[in-house]
Amino acid sequence: MKKMANQNVEDEDSENIFFKKIISALFYGVASFMITIVNKTVLTTYGFPSFQALGIGQMATTIIVLFVAKKFHIVSFPHFQLGTFKQIFPLPLFYIGNMIFGLGGTKELSLPMFTALRRFSILMTMILEFYLLGVFPVVSVQISVYTMIIGALLATSDDLAFNLHGYIYILLNDLLTATSGVYTKKKLDSRELGKYGLMYYNSLFMIIPALIICYYSGDLESAINFKDWNNLLFSAQFVISCIMGFILSYSVMLCTHYNSALTTTIIGCLKNISVTYLGMVIGGDYIFSWINFIGLNISVFGSLLYTYVTFRRKETKVLMFH
């Protein structure tokens, strides 16, 4: 009887963990989808001149929300100490680079090509997880990842709206996303600062350098003098983008905590299935070609295949310990 009771407890724990894995992944997917659409509208539809200024707004929102939440005991994380930067380093560098290059790529590329190039982060994450965490994905996961990459390569081979700056931004964004995801998993597992501490200090340590760069590049002045600040609809979407920046950071931490860094990365790309097709009409900067369109669909199929092989219930325990 005791053995059966223990087995029931283990089954319940397994059910709870599986539920948290699914919910955290869905939460991240929805947040990532919403912020991509809002950022594209702000940066391309309205032509907001500085993706750096938008990133600073998102960092400032994260700092303010978490500072106030800590004061009212809604959340908790360690106070600043001399060793805090050492505990969190090098995550702040990955964080700001990931944010800036991601926003830059969103501004420069059509959403379908943005989503296709973002899938290279998956391969990079898989490689880094192997070398840094000792994680080696099962064959079915590898096949789905390679399918995504083949589709992305085919799509990029016939990109009629090729933009070199956009490609560089996104590939750097991919590298930083992969590196940040793996290191975030390590930092969360160490339990030194917790997810709220990581979010707060990532933004706190990098907002001043970001402001300095934005000022000397002239982006801050361009953002302040932007013509549409009196447009209520634009201002509302700018504020929503800043708030969504905080929500996205939280959802990334949550998803990475309950899943692998690779799963977090691919969920981010999985939501791009909707973004891919919606992006063909949003922004007005996608140029259709059959080779490009077929490549996008192959990459989408790889995303669906990964979702299937990852979240099948019979593989839950295997994935937990990968």
Protein backbone atom coordinates (compact mmCIF):
# COMPACT_ATOMS: atom_id res chain seq x y z
CA MET A 1 0.00 0.00 0.00
CA LYS A 2 2.82 2.37 0.91
CA LYS A 3 4.50 1.62 -2.40
CA MET A 4 1.25 2.39 -4.26
CA ALA A 5 0.83 5.65 -2.34
CA ASN A 6 4.36 6.71 -3.25
CA GLN A 7 3.67 5.85 -6.88
CA ASN A 8 0.50 7.98 -6.81
CA VAL A 9 2.45 10.93 -5.38
CA GLU A 10 5.08 10.54 -8.09
CA ASP A 11 2.38 10.43 -10.76
CA GLU A 12 0.77 13.60 -9.37
CA ASP A 13 4.14 15.37 -9.30
CA SER A 14 4.76 14.27 -12.88
CA GLU A 15 1.33 15.60 -13.89
CA ASN A 16 2.00 18.95 -12.16
CA ILE A 17 5.39 19.33 -13.78
CA PHE A 18 3.99 18.45 -17.20
CA PHE A 19 1.18 21.00 -16.71
CA LYS A 20 3.67 23.72 -15.73
CA LYS A 21 5.85 22.90 -18.75
CA ILE A 22 2.88 23.28 -21.10
CA ILE A 23 1.45 26.44 -19.49
CA SER A 24 4.84 28.20 -19.30
CA ALA A 25 5.53 27.33 -22.95
CA LEU A 26 2.10 28.63 -24.06
CA PHE A 27 2.52 31.80 -21.98
CA TYR A 28 5.89 32.49 -23.62
CA GLY A 29 4.51 31.76 -27.09
CA VAL A 30 1.60 34.18 -26.70
CA ALA A 31 3.79 36.92 -25.19
CA SER A 32 6.38 36.53 -27.92
CA PHE A 33 3.71 36.67 -30.64
CA MET A 34 2.11 39.82 -29.24
CA ILE A 35 5.34 41.75 -28.78
CA THR A 36 6.56 40.87 -32.28
CA ILE A 37 3.38 42.29 -33.83
CA VAL A 38 3.40 45.42 -31.65
CA ASN A 39 7.13 46.06 -32.25
CA LYS A 40 6.66 45.68 -36.01
CA THR A 41 3.77 48.15 -35.97
CA VAL A 42 5.73 50.72 -33.92
CA LEU A 43 8.99 50.40 -35.86
CA THR A 44 7.76 49.86 -39.44
CA THR A 45 4.12 50.94 -39.80
CA TYR A 46 4.66 54.16 -37.81
CA GLY A 47 8.34 54.42 -38.75
CA PHE A 48 9.64 55.03 -35.21
CA PRO A 49 13.31 55.91 -35.87
CA SER A 50 15.09 54.18 -32.98
CA PHE A 51 14.83 50.53 -32.02
CA GLN A 52 17.45 51.31 -29.35
CA ALA A 53 15.10 53.80 -27.65
CA LEU A 54 12.29 51.24 -27.73
CA GLY A 55 14.60 48.70 -26.07
CA ILE A 56 15.48 51.24 -23.36
CA GLY A 57 11.77 51.78 -22.74
CA GLN A 58 11.32 48.04 -22.24
CA MET A 59 14.27 47.86 -19.83
CA ALA A 60 13.00 50.86 -17.83
CA THR A 61 9.55 49.27 -17.54
CA THR A 62 11.07 46.02 -16.22
CA ILE A 63 13.09 47.92 -13.59
CA ILE A 64 10.12 50.02 -12.42
CA VAL A 65 7.62 47.12 -12.29
CA LEU A 66 9.94 44.81 -10.34
CA PHE A 67 11.16 47.59 -8.00
CA VAL A 68 7.57 48.51 -7.08
CA ALA A 69 6.53 44.85 -6.81
CA LYS A 70 9.40 44.18 -4.41
CA LYS A 71 8.50 47.20 -2.28
CA PHE A 72 4.95 45.88 -1.90
CA HIS A 73 6.27 42.33 -1.22
CA ILE A 74 4.60 40.94 -4.35
CA VAL A 75 7.91 39.46 -5.49
CA SER A 76 11.25 38.93 -3.80
CA PHE A 77 14.85 38.85 -4.95
CA PRO A 78 18.21 39.60 -3.27
CA HIS A 79 19.27 43.19 -2.59
CA PHE A 80 22.15 44.61 -4.58
CA GLN A 81 25.57 43.60 -3.27
CA LEU A 82 29.11 43.99 -4.58
CA GLY A 83 29.04 40.40 -5.81
CA THR A 84 25.72 40.69 -7.66
CA PHE A 85 27.27 41.65 -10.98
CA LYS A 86 29.66 38.71 -10.76
CA GLN A 87 26.72 36.39 -10.03
CA ILE A 88 24.77 37.50 -13.08
CA PHE A 89 27.59 38.14 -15.58
CA PRO A 90 27.64 37.68 -18.61
CA LEU A 91 23.82 37.63 -18.90
CA PRO A 92 23.39 41.47 -19.02
CA LEU A 93 25.57 41.63 -22.14
CA PHE A 94 23.54 38.89 -23.83
CA TYR A 95 20.31 40.53 -22.68
CA ILE A 96 20.96 43.97 -24.15
CA GLY A 97 22.49 42.59 -27.34
CA ASN A 98 19.59 40.21 -27.81
CA MET A 99 17.05 42.98 -27.32
CA ILE A 100 18.76 45.58 -29.54
CA PHE A 101 19.60 43.26 -32.44
CA GLY A 102 16.16 41.62 -32.25
CA LEU A 103 14.42 45.00 -32.51
CA GLY A 104 16.84 46.04 -35.27
CA GLY A 105 15.99 42.92 -37.27
CA THR A 106 12.27 43.51 -36.73
CA LYS A 107 12.63 47.01 -38.18
CA GLU A 108 14.78 46.04 -41.18
CA LEU A 109 13.15 42.77 -42.33
CA SER A 110 9.69 41.59 -43.30
CA LEU A 111 8.11 39.43 -40.61
CA PRO A 112 8.16 36.22 -42.73
CA MET A 113 11.94 36.56 -43.32
CA PHE A 114 12.47 37.62 -39.70
CA THR A 115 10.82 34.41 -38.53
CA ALA A 116 12.75 32.26 -41.02
CA LEU A 117 16.14 33.64 -39.96
CA ARG A 118 15.23 33.40 -36.28
CA ARG A 119 15.16 29.61 -36.63
CA PHE A 120 18.96 29.55 -36.87
CA SER A 121 18.93 30.30 -33.13
CA ILE A 122 17.51 26.81 -32.62
CA LEU A 123 20.50 25.07 -34.17
CA MET A 124 22.86 27.33 -32.22
CA THR A 125 21.02 26.55 -28.96
CA MET A 126 21.18 22.81 -29.63
CA ILE A 127 24.94 23.00 -30.20
CA LEU A 128 25.55 25.15 -27.10
CA GLU A 129 23.39 22.91 -24.89
CA PHE A 130 25.55 19.97 -25.96
CA TYR A 131 28.87 21.68 -25.20
CA LEU A 132 27.88 23.68 -22.09
CA LEU A 133 25.15 21.57 -20.44
CA GLY A 134 25.96 18.10 -21.77
CA VAL A 135 22.49 17.87 -23.34
CA PHE A 136 22.17 15.74 -26.47
CA PRO A 137 18.68 15.84 -28.05
CA VAL A 138 17.01 12.68 -29.31
CA VAL A 139 17.07 11.90 -33.04
CA SER A 140 13.46 13.04 -33.62
CA VAL A 141 14.27 16.46 -32.17
CA GLN A 142 17.38 16.74 -34.34
CA ILE A 143 15.40 15.88 -37.48
CA SER A 144 12.79 18.56 -36.71
CA VAL A 145 15.52 21.16 -36.12
CA TYR A 146 17.31 20.32 -39.36
CA THR A 147 13.99 20.53 -41.24
CA MET A 148 13.47 24.06 -39.93
CA ILE A 149 16.98 25.09 -40.95
CA ILE A 150 16.65 23.62 -44.47
CA GLY A 151 13.38 25.52 -44.95
CA ALA A 152 14.95 28.73 -43.67
CA LEU A 153 17.93 28.36 -46.01
CA LEU A 154 15.60 27.78 -48.97
CA ALA A 155 13.57 30.87 -48.06
CA THR A 156 16.64 33.07 -47.75
CA SER A 157 17.99 31.85 -51.10
CA ASP A 158 15.21 33.75 -52.89
CA ASP A 159 14.57 36.73 -50.63
CA LEU A 160 13.62 39.48 -53.09
CA ALA A 161 13.71 42.13 -50.33
CA PHE A 162 17.25 41.20 -49.18
CA ASN A 163 18.58 43.57 -46.50
CA LEU A 164 22.17 42.98 -45.37
CA HIS A 165 21.84 44.97 -42.15
CA GLY A 166 18.70 43.06 -41.25
CA TYR A 167 20.40 39.70 -41.87
CA ILE A 168 23.39 40.67 -39.71
CA TYR A 169 21.11 41.90 -36.91
CA ILE A 170 19.08 38.69 -36.88
CA LEU A 171 22.05 36.31 -37.03
CA LEU A 172 23.65 38.17 -34.10
CA ASN A 173 20.28 38.04 -32.36
CA ASP A 174 20.19 34.27 -32.96
CA LEU A 175 23.63 33.77 -31.46
CA LEU A 176 22.81 35.90 -28.42
CA THR A 177 19.42 34.20 -27.95
CA ALA A 178 21.08 30.79 -27.94
CA THR A 179 23.87 31.84 -25.59
CA SER A 180 21.51 33.72 -23.28
CA GLY A 181 19.06 30.80 -23.10
CA VAL A 182 21.73 28.31 -22.10
CA TYR A 183 23.36 30.61 -19.53
CA THR A 184 19.96 31.60 -18.12
CA LYS A 185 19.23 27.92 -17.52
CA LYS A 186 22.51 27.61 -15.63
CA LYS A 187 21.83 30.73 -13.56
CA LEU A 188 18.27 29.64 -12.74
CA ASP A 189 19.50 26.22 -11.68
CA SER A 190 22.02 27.85 -9.33
CA ARG A 191 19.12 29.62 -7.51
CA GLU A 192 21.35 32.54 -6.47
CA LEU A 193 19.20 35.40 -7.76
CA GLY A 194 16.02 33.69 -8.95
CA LYS A 195 14.04 34.63 -12.04
CA TYR A 196 13.00 38.07 -10.73
CA GLY A 197 16.55 38.93 -9.70
CA LEU A 198 17.88 37.94 -13.12
CA MET A 199 15.26 40.09 -14.87
CA TYR A 200 15.80 43.10 -12.59
CA TYR A 201 19.59 43.16 -12.60
CA ASN A 202 19.85 42.38 -16.33
CA SER A 203 17.93 45.59 -17.02
CA LEU A 204 19.49 47.63 -14.21
CA PHE A 205 23.09 46.95 -15.20
CA MET A 206 22.55 47.64 -18.91
CA ILE A 207 20.16 50.61 -19.06
CA ILE A 208 22.89 53.23 -18.49
CA PRO A 209 25.26 51.83 -21.17
CA ALA A 210 22.26 51.57 -23.51
CA LEU A 211 21.33 55.22 -22.87
CA ILE A 212 24.92 56.34 -23.53
CA ILE A 213 25.07 54.43 -26.82
CA CYS A 214 21.65 55.73 -27.84
CA TYR A 215 22.65 59.33 -27.03
CA TYR A 216 25.97 59.34 -28.89
CA SER A 217 24.48 57.58 -31.92
CA GLY A 218 21.85 60.32 -32.25
CA ASP A 219 19.02 57.83 -31.81
CA LEU A 220 17.83 59.38 -28.54
CA GLU A 221 17.36 62.79 -30.15
CA SER A 222 15.55 61.24 -33.13
CA ALA A 223 13.24 59.35 -30.77
CA ILE A 224 12.46 62.44 -28.67
CA ASN A 225 11.67 64.50 -31.79
CA PHE A 226 9.53 61.78 -33.41
CA LYS A 227 6.50 63.34 -35.12
CA ASP A 228 3.83 60.91 -33.87
CA TRP A 229 4.14 61.33 -30.10
CA ASN A 230 0.87 63.28 -30.21
CA ASN A 231 -0.80 60.35 -31.98
CA LEU A 232 -2.70 58.59 -29.20
CA LEU A 233 -2.76 55.26 -31.05
CA PHE A 234 1.02 55.26 -31.58
CA SER A 235 1.73 56.32 -27.99
CA ALA A 236 -0.54 53.57 -26.67
CA GLN A 237 1.25 50.95 -28.77
CA PHE A 238 4.65 52.25 -27.66
CA VAL A 239 3.60 51.86 -24.01
CA ILE A 240 2.16 48.39 -24.73
CA SER A 241 5.47 47.42 -26.34
CA CYS A 242 7.36 48.53 -23.20
CA ILE A 243 5.01 46.57 -20.92
CA MET A 244 5.19 43.54 -23.20
CA GLY A 245 8.98 43.71 -22.95
CA PHE A 246 8.67 43.00 -19.23
CA ILE A 247 6.05 40.28 -19.76
CA LEU A 248 8.20 38.63 -22.41
CA SER A 249 11.25 38.60 -20.13
CA TYR A 250 9.19 37.00 -17.37
CA SER A 251 7.72 34.39 -19.73
CA VAL A 252 11.21 33.52 -21.02
CA MET A 253 12.48 32.96 -17.47
CA LEU A 254 9.43 30.86 -16.60
CA CYS A 255 9.60 28.73 -19.75
CA THR A 256 13.36 28.21 -19.40
CA HIS A 257 12.90 27.20 -15.75
CA TYR A 258 10.34 24.48 -16.48
CA ASN A 259 11.69 23.43 -19.89
CA SER A 260 15.05 23.22 -21.64
CA ALA A 261 16.73 26.25 -23.23
CA LEU A 262 16.19 24.56 -26.60
CA THR A 263 12.45 24.19 -25.96
CA THR A 264 12.20 27.89 -25.01
CA THR A 265 13.99 28.87 -28.20
CA ILE A 266 11.80 26.73 -30.42
CA ILE A 267 8.55 27.81 -28.74
CA GLY A 268 9.60 31.34 -29.63
CA CYS A 269 9.98 30.22 -33.23
CA LEU A 270 6.80 28.13 -33.13
CA LYS A 271 4.66 31.20 -32.48
CA ASN A 272 6.19 32.56 -35.63
CA ILE A 273 3.93 30.22 -37.61
CA SER A 274 1.16 32.79 -37.10
CA VAL A 275 3.61 35.68 -37.47
CA THR A 276 4.92 34.23 -40.75
CA TYR A 277 1.56 34.28 -42.51
CA LEU A 278 0.25 37.40 -40.78
CA GLY A 279 3.50 39.17 -41.65
CA MET A 280 2.78 38.78 -45.35
CA VAL A 281 0.12 41.47 -44.96
CA ILE A 282 1.42 43.42 -41.93
CA GLY A 283 4.18 45.98 -42.48
CA GLY A 284 3.91 45.97 -46.27
CA ASP A 285 7.54 44.93 -46.80
CA TYR A 286 7.19 41.25 -47.80
CA ILE A 287 7.80 40.40 -51.47
CA PHE A 288 6.32 37.08 -52.56
CA SER A 289 8.20 34.40 -54.51
CA TRP A 290 7.37 30.70 -54.79
CA ILE A 291 10.80 29.46 -53.66
CA ASN A 292 10.71 31.77 -50.66
CA PHE A 293 7.13 30.76 -49.81
CA ILE A 294 7.90 27.02 -50.07
CA GLY A 295 10.98 27.46 -47.85
CA LEU A 296 8.90 29.25 -45.23
CA ASN A 297 6.36 26.42 -45.23
CA ILE A 298 9.06 23.74 -44.85
CA SER A 299 10.43 25.65 -41.87
CA VAL A 300 6.93 25.90 -40.40
CA PHE A 301 6.49 22.15 -40.81
CA GLY A 302 9.75 21.60 -38.89
CA SER A 303 8.36 23.74 -36.04
CA LEU A 304 5.18 21.66 -35.91
CA LEU A 305 7.21 18.44 -35.97
CA TYR A 306 9.34 19.62 -33.04
CA THR A 307 6.25 20.49 -31.03
CA TYR A 308 4.86 17.01 -31.63
CA VAL A 309 8.00 15.10 -30.64
CA THR A 310 8.73 17.35 -27.63
CA PHE A 311 5.36 17.48 -25.92
CA ARG A 312 4.17 13.93 -26.38
CA ARG A 313 3.34 12.79 -22.86
CA LYS A 314 5.26 9.57 -23.13
CA GLU A 315 8.50 11.57 -23.60
CA THR A 316 7.92 13.91 -20.69
CA LYS A 317 10.28 12.19 -18.26
CA VAL A 318 12.98 11.83 -20.88
CA LEU A 319 12.86 15.53 -21.71
CA MET A 320 12.90 16.49 -18.00
CA PHE A 321 16.32 14.97 -17.54
CA HIS A 322 17.86 15.96 -20.87
